[in-house]
PDB file of all heavy atoms in Angstrom:
ATOM      1  N   SER A   1      11.370 -18.853  17.719  1.00  0.00           N
ATOM      2  CA  SER A   1      11.879 -18.117  18.871  1.00  0.00           C
ATOM      3  C   SER A   1      10.821 -17.136  19.346  1.00  0.00           C
ATOM      4  O   SER A   1      10.448 -16.214  18.623  1.00  0.00           O
ATOM      5  CB  SER A   1      13.156 -17.355  18.497  1.00  0.00           C
ATOM      6  OG  SER A   1      13.485 -16.413  19.503  1.00  0.00           O
ATOM      7  N   ASP A   2      10.343 -17.354  20.543  1.00  0.00           N
ATOM      8  CA  ASP A   2       9.370 -16.471  21.173  1.00  0.00           C
ATOM      9  C   ASP A   2       9.914 -15.037  21.198  1.00  0.00           C
ATOM     10  O   ASP A   2       9.205 -14.086  20.865  1.00  0.00           O
ATOM     11  CB  ASP A   2       9.122 -17.003  22.591  1.00  0.00           C
ATOM     12  CG  ASP A   2       8.019 -16.292  23.309  1.00  0.00           C
ATOM     13  OD1 ASP A   2       6.855 -16.615  23.026  1.00  0.00           O
ATOM     14  OD2 ASP A   2       8.331 -15.433  24.148  1.00  0.00           O
ATOM     15  N   TYR A   3      11.171 -14.901  21.568  1.00  0.00           N
ATOM     16  CA  TYR A   3      11.831 -13.598  21.653  1.00  0.00           C
ATOM     17  C   TYR A   3      11.859 -12.920  20.285  1.00  0.00           C
ATOM     18  O   TYR A   3      11.510 -11.745  20.155  1.00  0.00           O
ATOM     19  CB  TYR A   3      13.246 -13.781  22.202  1.00  0.00           C
ATOM     20  CG  TYR A   3      14.071 -12.529  22.196  1.00  0.00           C
ATOM     21  CD1 TYR A   3      13.869 -11.541  23.156  1.00  0.00           C
ATOM     22  CD2 TYR A   3      15.066 -12.337  21.247  1.00  0.00           C
ATOM     23  CE1 TYR A   3      14.625 -10.384  23.151  1.00  0.00           C
ATOM     24  CE2 TYR A   3      15.829 -11.183  21.236  1.00  0.00           C
ATOM     25  CZ  TYR A   3      15.606 -10.210  22.188  1.00  0.00           C
ATOM     26  OH  TYR A   3      16.354  -9.065  22.183  1.00  0.00           O
ATOM     27  N   GLU A   4      12.270 -13.646  19.246  1.00  0.00           N
ATOM     28  CA  GLU A   4      12.350 -13.075  17.903  1.00  0.00           C
ATOM     29  C   GLU A   4      10.971 -12.731  17.359  1.00  0.00           C
ATOM     30  O   GLU A   4      10.811 -11.745  16.634  1.00  0.00           O
ATOM     31  CB  GLU A   4      13.082 -14.014  16.950  1.00  0.00           C
ATOM     32  CG  GLU A   4      14.572 -14.078  17.180  1.00  0.00           C
ATOM     33  CD  GLU A   4      15.265 -12.722  17.040  1.00  0.00           C
ATOM     34  OE1 GLU A   4      14.893 -11.915  16.154  1.00  0.00           O
ATOM     35  OE2 GLU A   4      16.176 -12.455  17.844  1.00  0.00           O
ATOM     36  N   ALA A   5       9.967 -13.524  17.696  1.00  0.00           N
ATOM     37  CA  ALA A   5       8.603 -13.232  17.251  1.00  0.00           C
ATOM     38  C   ALA A   5       8.134 -11.887  17.806  1.00  0.00           C
ATOM     39  O   ALA A   5       7.540 -11.078  17.085  1.00  0.00           O
ATOM     40  CB  ALA A   5       7.661 -14.350  17.668  1.00  0.00           C
ATOM     41  N   ARG A   6       8.416 -11.618  19.072  1.00  0.00           N
ATOM     42  CA  ARG A   6       8.054 -10.329  19.670  1.00  0.00           C
ATOM     43  C   ARG A   6       8.856  -9.192  19.055  1.00  0.00           C
ATOM     44  O   ARG A   6       8.328  -8.103  18.816  1.00  0.00           O
ATOM     45  CB  ARG A   6       8.231 -10.373  21.183  1.00  0.00           C
ATOM     46  CG  ARG A   6       7.181 -11.202  21.885  1.00  0.00           C
ATOM     47  CD  ARG A   6       7.181 -11.022  23.402  1.00  0.00           C
ATOM     48  NE  ARG A   6       8.485 -11.123  24.003  1.00  0.00           N
ATOM     49  CZ  ARG A   6       9.030 -12.252  24.453  1.00  0.00           C
ATOM     50  NH1 ARG A   6       8.353 -13.377  24.388  1.00  0.00           N
ATOM     51  NH2 ARG A   6      10.218 -12.259  24.989  1.00  0.00           N
ATOM     52  N   ARG A   7      10.127  -9.449  18.789  1.00  0.00           N
ATOM     53  CA  ARG A   7      10.975  -8.415  18.152  1.00  0.00           C
ATOM     54  C   ARG A   7      10.455  -8.055  16.758  1.00  0.00           C
ATOM     55  O   ARG A   7      10.497  -6.884  16.367  1.00  0.00           O
ATOM     56  CB  ARG A   7      12.427  -8.864  18.074  1.00  0.00           C
ATOM     57  CG  ARG A   7      13.163  -8.751  19.404  1.00  0.00           C
ATOM     58  CD  ARG A   7      14.612  -9.210  19.298  1.00  0.00           C
ATOM     59  NE  ARG A   7      15.267  -8.788  18.085  1.00  0.00           N
ATOM     60  CZ  ARG A   7      16.130  -7.764  18.000  1.00  0.00           C
ATOM     61  NH1 ARG A   7      16.435  -7.090  19.078  1.00  0.00           N
ATOM     62  NH2 ARG A   7      16.686  -7.453  16.857  1.00  0.00           N
ATOM     63  N   GLU A   8       9.991  -9.061  16.008  1.00  0.00           N
ATOM     64  CA  GLU A   8       9.418  -8.789  14.689  1.00  0.00           C
ATOM     65  C   GLU A   8       8.223  -7.843  14.815  1.00  0.00           C
ATOM     66  O   GLU A   8       8.087  -6.885  14.049  1.00  0.00           O
ATOM     67  CB  GLU A   8       8.954 -10.078  14.017  1.00  0.00           C
ATOM     68  CG  GLU A   8      10.059 -10.943  13.506  1.00  0.00           C
ATOM     69  CD  GLU A   8       9.583 -12.260  12.941  1.00  0.00           C
ATOM     70  OE1 GLU A   8       8.419 -12.664  13.198  1.00  0.00           O
ATOM     71  OE2 GLU A   8      10.379 -12.899  12.234  1.00  0.00           O
ATOM     72  N   CYS A   9       7.376  -8.109  15.792  1.00  0.00           N
ATOM     73  CA  CYS A   9       6.214  -7.259  16.015  1.00  0.00           C
ATOM     74  C   CYS A   9       6.625  -5.838  16.389  1.00  0.00           C
ATOM     75  O   CYS A   9       6.052  -4.859  15.895  1.00  0.00           O
ATOM     76  CB  CYS A   9       5.313  -7.847  17.090  1.00  0.00           C
ATOM     77  SG  CYS A   9       4.428  -9.339  16.591  1.00  0.00           S
ATOM     78  N   LEU A  10       7.622  -5.711  17.251  1.00  0.00           N
ATOM     79  CA  LEU A  10       8.096  -4.380  17.643  1.00  0.00           C
ATOM     80  C   LEU A  10       8.647  -3.609  16.451  1.00  0.00           C
ATOM     81  O   LEU A  10       8.398  -2.402  16.308  1.00  0.00           O
ATOM     82  CB  LEU A  10       9.151  -4.487  18.747  1.00  0.00           C
ATOM     83  CG  LEU A  10       8.632  -4.913  20.109  1.00  0.00           C
ATOM     84  CD1 LEU A  10       9.802  -5.200  21.060  1.00  0.00           C
ATOM     85  CD2 LEU A  10       7.709  -3.848  20.693  1.00  0.00           C
ATOM     86  N   ARG A  11       9.379  -4.285  15.584  1.00  0.00           N
ATOM     87  CA  ARG A  11       9.910  -3.622  14.377  1.00  0.00           C
ATOM     88  C   ARG A  11       8.772  -3.193  13.456  1.00  0.00           C
ATOM     89  O   ARG A  11       8.813  -2.117  12.855  1.00  0.00           O
ATOM     90  CB  ARG A  11      10.900  -4.521  13.656  1.00  0.00           C
ATOM     91  CG  ARG A  11      12.240  -4.633  14.382  1.00  0.00           C
ATOM     92  CD  ARG A  11      13.319  -5.289  13.547  1.00  0.00           C
ATOM     93  NE  ARG A  11      12.974  -6.617  13.088  1.00  0.00           N
ATOM     94  CZ  ARG A  11      13.238  -7.755  13.734  1.00  0.00           C
ATOM     95  NH1 ARG A  11      13.871  -7.699  14.901  1.00  0.00           N
ATOM     96  NH2 ARG A  11      12.906  -8.916  13.247  1.00  0.00           N
ATOM     97  N   TYR A  12       7.744  -4.028  13.341  1.00  0.00           N
ATOM     98  CA  TYR A  12       6.594  -3.692  12.516  1.00  0.00           C
ATOM     99  C   TYR A  12       5.874  -2.462  13.080  1.00  0.00           C
ATOM    100  O   TYR A  12       5.496  -1.551  12.337  1.00  0.00           O
ATOM    101  CB  TYR A  12       5.655  -4.895  12.438  1.00  0.00           C
ATOM    102  CG  TYR A  12       4.567  -4.812  11.395  1.00  0.00           C
ATOM    103  CD1 TYR A  12       4.636  -3.940  10.309  1.00  0.00           C
ATOM    104  CD2 TYR A  12       3.455  -5.631  11.497  1.00  0.00           C
ATOM    105  CE1 TYR A  12       3.632  -3.897   9.361  1.00  0.00           C
ATOM    106  CE2 TYR A  12       2.449  -5.596  10.550  1.00  0.00           C
ATOM    107  CZ  TYR A  12       2.543  -4.720   9.487  1.00  0.00           C
ATOM    108  OH  TYR A  12       1.533  -4.686   8.547  1.00  0.00           O
ATOM    109  N   ILE A  13       5.716  -2.409  14.392  1.00  0.00           N
ATOM    110  CA  ILE A  13       5.093  -1.243  15.025  1.00  0.00           C
ATOM    111  C   ILE A  13       5.898   0.012  14.736  1.00  0.00           C
ATOM    112  O   ILE A  13       5.342   1.063  14.410  1.00  0.00           O
ATOM    113  CB  ILE A  13       4.909  -1.463  16.546  1.00  0.00           C
ATOM    114  CG1 ILE A  13       3.824  -2.507  16.792  1.00  0.00           C
ATOM    115  CG2 ILE A  13       4.577  -0.147  17.256  1.00  0.00           C
ATOM    116  CD1 ILE A  13       3.709  -2.961  18.231  1.00  0.00           C
ATOM    117  N   GLU A  14       7.219  -0.069  14.831  1.00  0.00           N
ATOM    118  CA  GLU A  14       8.072   1.089  14.532  1.00  0.00           C
ATOM    119  C   GLU A  14       7.838   1.580  13.109  1.00  0.00           C
ATOM    120  O   GLU A  14       7.749   2.789  12.870  1.00  0.00           O
ATOM    121  CB  GLU A  14       9.540   0.734  14.726  1.00  0.00           C
ATOM    122  CG  GLU A  14       9.958   0.590  16.167  1.00  0.00           C
ATOM    123  CD  GLU A  14      11.409   0.134  16.309  1.00  0.00           C
ATOM    124  OE1 GLU A  14      12.154   0.115  15.299  1.00  0.00           O
ATOM    125  OE2 GLU A  14      11.793  -0.222  17.427  1.00  0.00           O
ATOM    126  N   LEU A  15       7.750   0.653  12.160  1.00  0.00           N
ATOM    127  CA  LEU A  15       7.505   1.008  10.762  1.00  0.00           C
ATOM    128  C   LEU A  15       6.134   1.671  10.605  1.00  0.00           C
ATOM    129  O   LEU A  15       6.010   2.721   9.961  1.00  0.00           O
ATOM    130  CB  LEU A  15       7.596  -0.235   9.880  1.00  0.00           C
ATOM    131  CG  LEU A  15       7.195  -0.051   8.419  1.00  0.00           C
ATOM    132  CD1 LEU A  15       8.176   0.866   7.709  1.00  0.00           C
ATOM    133  CD2 LEU A  15       7.113  -1.399   7.718  1.00  0.00           C
ATOM    134  N   LEU A  16       5.110   1.058  11.200  1.00  0.00           N
ATOM    135  CA  LEU A  16       3.767   1.615  11.093  1.00  0.00           C
ATOM    136  C   LEU A  16       3.683   3.025  11.681  1.00  0.00           C
ATOM    137  O   LEU A  16       3.072   3.920  11.095  1.00  0.00           O
ATOM    138  CB  LEU A  16       2.755   0.696  11.792  1.00  0.00           C
ATOM    139  CG  LEU A  16       2.480  -0.623  11.088  1.00  0.00           C
ATOM    140  CD1 LEU A  16       1.737  -1.576  12.018  1.00  0.00           C
ATOM    141  CD2 LEU A  16       1.701  -0.405   9.809  1.00  0.00           C
ATOM    142  N   GLU A  17       4.319   3.224  12.839  1.00  0.00           N
ATOM    143  CA  GLU A  17       4.289   4.542  13.475  1.00  0.00           C
ATOM    144  C   GLU A  17       5.052   5.585  12.666  1.00  0.00           C
ATOM    145  O   GLU A  17       4.690   6.761  12.680  1.00  0.00           O
ATOM    146  CB  GLU A  17       4.829   4.464  14.898  1.00  0.00           C
ATOM    147  CG  GLU A  17       3.861   3.766  15.838  1.00  0.00           C
ATOM    148  CD  GLU A  17       4.384   3.628  17.246  1.00  0.00           C
ATOM    149  OE1 GLU A  17       5.625   3.665  17.446  1.00  0.00           O
ATOM    150  OE2 GLU A  17       3.553   3.461  18.167  1.00  0.00           O
ATOM    151  N   LYS A  18       6.078   5.154  11.965  1.00  0.00           N
ATOM    152  CA  LYS A  18       6.827   6.075  11.115  1.00  0.00           C
ATOM    153  C   LYS A  18       5.987   6.462   9.897  1.00  0.00           C
ATOM    154  O   LYS A  18       5.941   7.620   9.504  1.00  0.00           O
ATOM    155  CB  LYS A  18       8.135   5.437  10.656  1.00  0.00           C
ATOM    156  CG  LYS A  18       9.022   6.382   9.852  1.00  0.00           C
ATOM    157  CD  LYS A  18      10.280   5.715   9.395  1.00  0.00           C
ATOM    158  CE  LYS A  18      11.229   5.568  10.560  1.00  0.00           C
ATOM    159  NZ  LYS A  18      12.543   5.031  10.163  1.00  0.00           N
ATOM    160  N   LEU A  19       5.315   5.482   9.289  1.00  0.00           N
ATOM    161  CA  LEU A  19       4.506   5.743   8.094  1.00  0.00           C
ATOM    162  C   LEU A  19       3.181   6.424   8.418  1.00  0.00           C
ATOM    163  O   LEU A  19       2.681   7.237   7.648  1.00  0.00           O
ATOM    164  CB  LEU A  19       4.215   4.430   7.363  1.00  0.00           C
ATOM    165  CG  LEU A  19       5.407   3.731   6.730  1.00  0.00           C
ATOM    166  CD1 LEU A  19       5.017   2.357   6.213  1.00  0.00           C
ATOM    167  CD2 LEU A  19       5.973   4.585   5.607  1.00  0.00           C
ATOM    168  N   PHE A  20       2.600   6.066   9.571  1.00  0.00           N
ATOM    169  CA  PHE A  20       1.288   6.567   9.977  1.00  0.00           C
ATOM    170  C   PHE A  20       1.346   7.021  11.428  1.00  0.00           C
ATOM    171  O   PHE A  20       0.993   6.261  12.335  1.00  0.00           O
ATOM    172  CB  PHE A  20       0.224   5.465   9.837  1.00  0.00           C
ATOM    173  CG  PHE A  20       0.245   4.759   8.516  1.00  0.00           C
ATOM    174  CD1 PHE A  20       0.771   3.479   8.413  1.00  0.00           C
ATOM    175  CD2 PHE A  20      -0.253   5.369   7.374  1.00  0.00           C
ATOM    176  CE1 PHE A  20       0.802   2.819   7.194  1.00  0.00           C
ATOM    177  CE2 PHE A  20      -0.234   4.717   6.149  1.00  0.00           C
ATOM    178  CZ  PHE A  20       0.294   3.440   6.061  1.00  0.00           C
ATOM    179  N   PRO A  21       1.817   8.233  11.682  1.00  0.00           N
ATOM    180  CA  PRO A  21       1.934   8.701  13.062  1.00  0.00           C
ATOM    181  C   PRO A  21       0.594   8.558  13.799  1.00  0.00           C
ATOM    182  O   PRO A  21      -0.450   8.971  13.284  1.00  0.00           O
ATOM    183  CB  PRO A  21       2.328  10.167  12.914  1.00  0.00           C
ATOM    184  CG  PRO A  21       3.000  10.232  11.570  1.00  0.00           C
ATOM    185  CD  PRO A  21       2.262   9.253  10.716  1.00  0.00           C
ATOM    186  N   PRO A  22       0.610   7.951  14.976  1.00  0.00           N
ATOM    187  CA  PRO A  22      -0.627   7.709  15.722  1.00  0.00           C
ATOM    188  C   PRO A  22      -1.354   8.993  16.093  1.00  0.00           C
ATOM    189  O   PRO A  22      -0.746  10.054  16.235  1.00  0.00           O
ATOM    190  CB  PRO A  22      -0.158   6.979  16.981  1.00  0.00           C
ATOM    191  CG  PRO A  22       1.166   6.420  16.624  1.00  0.00           C
ATOM    192  CD  PRO A  22       1.770   7.372  15.650  1.00  0.00           C
ATOM    193  N   VAL A  23      -2.658   8.866  16.240  1.00  0.00           N
ATOM    194  CA  VAL A  23      -3.501   9.970  16.704  1.00  0.00           C
ATOM    195  C   VAL A  23      -3.950   9.652  18.128  1.00  0.00           C
ATOM    196  O   VAL A  23      -3.865   8.508  18.577  1.00  0.00           O
ATOM    197  CB  VAL A  23      -4.722  10.173  15.783  1.00  0.00           C
ATOM    198  CG1 VAL A  23      -4.289  10.496  14.367  1.00  0.00           C
ATOM    199  CG2 VAL A  23      -5.642   8.967  15.812  1.00  0.00           C
ATOM    200  N   GLU A  24      -4.449  10.668  18.806  1.00  0.00           N
ATOM    201  CA  GLU A  24      -4.953  10.458  20.162  1.00  0.00           C
ATOM    202  C   GLU A  24      -6.105   9.452  20.125  1.00  0.00           C
ATOM    203  O   GLU A  24      -6.999   9.540  19.286  1.00  0.00           O
ATOM    204  CB  GLU A  24      -5.433  11.777  20.755  1.00  0.00           C
ATOM    205  CG  GLU A  24      -5.854  11.657  22.197  1.00  0.00           C
ATOM    206  CD  GLU A  24      -6.208  12.997  22.803  1.00  0.00           C
ATOM    207  OE1 GLU A  24      -5.687  14.027  22.354  1.00  0.00           O
ATOM    208  OE2 GLU A  24      -7.026  12.983  23.737  1.00  0.00           O
ATOM    209  N   GLY A  25      -6.066   8.491  21.027  1.00  0.00           N
ATOM    210  CA  GLY A  25      -7.115   7.490  21.113  1.00  0.00           C
ATOM    211  C   GLY A  25      -6.817   6.208  20.357  1.00  0.00           C
ATOM    212  O   GLY A  25      -7.628   5.292  20.344  1.00  0.00           O
ATOM    213  N   ALA A  26      -5.638   6.144  19.728  1.00  0.00           N
ATOM    214  CA  ALA A  26      -5.245   4.934  18.995  1.00  0.00           C
ATOM    215  C   ALA A  26      -3.796   4.616  19.328  1.00  0.00           C
ATOM    216  O   ALA A  26      -2.956   5.508  19.405  1.00  0.00           O
ATOM    217  CB  ALA A  26      -5.405   5.128  17.495  1.00  0.00           C
ATOM    218  N   ARG A  27      -3.523   3.333  19.548  1.00  0.00           N
ATOM    219  CA  ARG A  27      -2.136   2.930  19.812  1.00  0.00           C
ATOM    220  C   ARG A  27      -1.938   1.484  19.371  1.00  0.00           C
ATOM    221  O   ARG A  27      -2.863   0.677  19.382  1.00  0.00           O
ATOM    222  CB  ARG A  27      -1.765   3.100  21.268  1.00  0.00           C
ATOM    223  CG  ARG A  27      -2.555   2.263  22.243  1.00  0.00           C
ATOM    224  CD  ARG A  27      -2.022   2.430  23.662  1.00  0.00           C
ATOM    225  NE  ARG A  27      -2.841   1.936  24.715  1.00  0.00           N
ATOM    226  CZ  ARG A  27      -3.340   0.706  24.856  1.00  0.00           C
ATOM    227  NH1 ARG A  27      -3.120  -0.190  23.950  1.00  0.00           N
ATOM    228  NH2 ARG A  27      -4.063   0.370  25.893  1.00  0.00           N
ATOM    229  N   TYR A  28      -0.718   1.197  18.987  1.00  0.00           N
ATOM    230  CA  TYR A  28      -0.368  -0.160  18.577  1.00  0.00           C
ATOM    231  C   TYR A  28       0.014  -0.976  19.794  1.00  0.00           C
ATOM    232  O   TYR A  28       0.498  -0.450  20.790  1.00  0.00           O
ATOM    233  CB  TYR A  28       0.818  -0.138  17.597  1.00  0.00           C
ATOM    234  CG  TYR A  28       0.464   0.495  16.287  1.00  0.00           C
ATOM    235  CD1 TYR A  28       0.810   1.804  16.001  1.00  0.00           C
ATOM    236  CD2 TYR A  28      -0.219  -0.224  15.312  1.00  0.00           C
ATOM    237  CE1 TYR A  28       0.484   2.394  14.796  1.00  0.00           C
ATOM    238  CE2 TYR A  28      -0.558   0.355  14.107  1.00  0.00           C
ATOM    239  CZ  TYR A  28      -0.202   1.660  13.849  1.00  0.00           C
ATOM    240  OH  TYR A  28      -0.540   2.236  12.658  1.00  0.00           O
ATOM    241  N   GLY A  29      -0.177  -2.267  19.701  1.00  0.00           N
ATOM    242  CA  GLY A  29       0.196  -3.177  20.765  1.00  0.00           C
ATOM    243  C   GLY A  29       0.535  -4.537  20.174  1.00  0.00           C
ATOM    244  O   GLY A  29       0.452  -4.737  18.962  1.00  0.00           O
ATOM    245  N   ILE A  30       0.916  -5.443  21.036  1.00  0.00           N
ATOM    246  CA  ILE A  30       1.234  -6.808  20.619  1.00  0.00           C
ATOM    247  C   ILE A  30       0.278  -7.745  21.343  1.00  0.00           C
ATOM    248  O   ILE A  30       0.137  -7.688  22.558  1.00  0.00           O
ATOM    249  CB  ILE A  30       2.691  -7.173  20.940  1.00  0.00           C
ATOM    250  CG1 ILE A  30       3.638  -6.252  20.176  1.00  0.00           C
ATOM    251  CG2 ILE A  30       2.968  -8.645  20.602  1.00  0.00           C
ATOM    252  CD1 ILE A  30       5.103  -6.444  20.509  1.00  0.00           C
ATOM    253  N   SER A  31      -0.370  -8.586  20.561  1.00  0.00           N
ATOM    254  CA  SER A  31      -1.305  -9.569  21.096  1.00  0.00           C
ATOM    255  C   SER A  31      -0.594 -10.912  21.250  1.00  0.00           C
ATOM    256  O   SER A  31       0.069 -11.373  20.319  1.00  0.00           O
ATOM    257  CB  SER A  31      -2.485  -9.692  20.133  1.00  0.00           C
ATOM    258  OG  SER A  31      -3.333 -10.736  20.514  1.00  0.00           O
ATOM    259  N   ARG A  32      -0.719 -11.508  22.418  1.00  0.00           N
ATOM    260  CA  ARG A  32      -0.141 -12.835  22.706  1.00  0.00           C
ATOM    261  C   ARG A  32      -1.267 -13.844  22.572  1.00  0.00           C
ATOM    262  O   ARG A  32      -2.281 -13.745  23.258  1.00  0.00           O
ATOM    263  CB  ARG A  32       0.434 -12.844  24.124  1.00  0.00           C
ATOM    264  CG  ARG A  32       1.103 -14.118  24.524  1.00  0.00           C
ATOM    265  CD  ARG A  32       1.618 -13.995  25.969  1.00  0.00           C
ATOM    266  NE  ARG A  32       2.464 -15.102  26.323  1.00  0.00           N
ATOM    267  CZ  ARG A  32       2.032 -16.275  26.765  1.00  0.00           C
ATOM    268  NH1 ARG A  32       0.737 -16.491  26.894  1.00  0.00           N
ATOM    269  NH2 ARG A  32       2.877 -17.228  27.068  1.00  0.00           N
ATOM    270  N   ASN A  33      -1.102 -14.810  21.662  1.00  0.00           N
ATOM    271  CA  ASN A  33      -2.180 -15.739  21.335  1.00  0.00           C
ATOM    272  C   ASN A  33      -1.761 -17.189  21.515  1.00  0.00           C
ATOM    273  O   ASN A  33      -0.755 -17.617  20.953  1.00  0.00           O
ATOM    274  CB  ASN A  33      -2.598 -15.527  19.878  1.00  0.00           C
ATOM    275  CG  ASN A  33      -2.950 -14.087  19.600  1.00  0.00           C
ATOM    276  OD1 ASN A  33      -3.945 -13.594  20.082  1.00  0.00           O
ATOM    277  ND2 ASN A  33      -2.105 -13.400  18.850  1.00  0.00           N
ATOM    278  N   PRO A  34      -2.549 -17.955  22.273  1.00  0.00           N
ATOM    279  CA  PRO A  34      -2.232 -19.379  22.434  1.00  0.00           C
ATOM    280  C   PRO A  34      -2.566 -20.155  21.155  1.00  0.00           C
ATOM    281  O   PRO A  34      -3.484 -19.790  20.419  1.00  0.00           O
ATOM    282  CB  PRO A  34      -3.130 -19.815  23.590  1.00  0.00           C
ATOM    283  CG  PRO A  34      -4.277 -18.869  23.550  1.00  0.00           C
ATOM    284  CD  PRO A  34      -3.732 -17.570  23.028  1.00  0.00           C
ATOM    285  N   HIS A  35      -1.803 -21.198  20.922  1.00  0.00           N
ATOM    286  CA  HIS A  35      -1.999 -22.074  19.766  1.00  0.00           C
ATOM    287  C   HIS A  35      -1.643 -23.485  20.207  1.00  0.00           C
ATOM    288  O   HIS A  35      -0.906 -23.673  21.173  1.00  0.00           O
ATOM    289  CB  HIS A  35      -1.083 -21.613  18.627  1.00  0.00           C
ATOM    290  CG  HIS A  35      -1.303 -22.308  17.336  1.00  0.00           C
ATOM    291  ND1 HIS A  35      -0.749 -23.532  17.066  1.00  0.00           N
ATOM    292  CD2 HIS A  35      -2.013 -21.950  16.238  1.00  0.00           C
ATOM    293  CE1 HIS A  35      -1.116 -23.900  15.842  1.00  0.00           C
ATOM    294  NE2 HIS A  35      -1.881 -22.958  15.321  1.00  0.00           N
ATOM    295  N   ASP A  36      -2.135 -24.478  19.498  1.00  0.00           N
ATOM    296  CA  ASP A  36      -1.811 -25.870  19.843  1.00  0.00           C
ATOM    297  C   ASP A  36      -0.312 -26.121  19.879  1.00  0.00           C
ATOM    298  O   ASP A  36       0.162 -26.979  20.613  1.00  0.00           O
ATOM    299  CB  ASP A  36      -2.454 -26.835  18.849  1.00  0.00           C
ATOM    300  CG  ASP A  36      -3.962 -26.905  18.998  1.00  0.00           C
ATOM    301  OD1 ASP A  36      -4.477 -26.427  20.031  1.00  0.00           O
ATOM    302  OD2 ASP A  36      -4.620 -27.419  18.078  1.00  0.00           O
ATOM    303  N   PHE A  37       0.457 -25.377  19.082  1.00  0.00           N
ATOM    304  CA  PHE A  37       1.902 -25.593  18.989  1.00  0.00           C
ATOM    305  C   PHE A  37       2.715 -24.614  19.820  1.00  0.00           C
ATOM    306  O   PHE A  37       3.934 -24.619  19.751  1.00  0.00           O
ATOM    307  CB  PHE A  37       2.354 -25.522  17.535  1.00  0.00           C
ATOM    308  CG  PHE A  37       1.690 -26.529  16.657  1.00  0.00           C
ATOM    309  CD1 PHE A  37       0.931 -26.132  15.583  1.00  0.00           C
ATOM    310  CD2 PHE A  37       1.809 -27.885  16.913  1.00  0.00           C
ATOM    311  CE1 PHE A  37       0.298 -27.058  14.770  1.00  0.00           C
ATOM    312  CE2 PHE A  37       1.192 -28.826  16.111  1.00  0.00           C
ATOM    313  CZ  PHE A  37       0.428 -28.408  15.035  1.00  0.00           C
TER     314      PHE A  37
END
């Protein structure tokens, strides 16, 4: 599920930001990558 894959990434970002609060000049994002499948 494309939708669920993005949601997994968003949840991971939330966890990372909670454990490691971002500093100025750094931010998390989601990379969309093509694959044969």
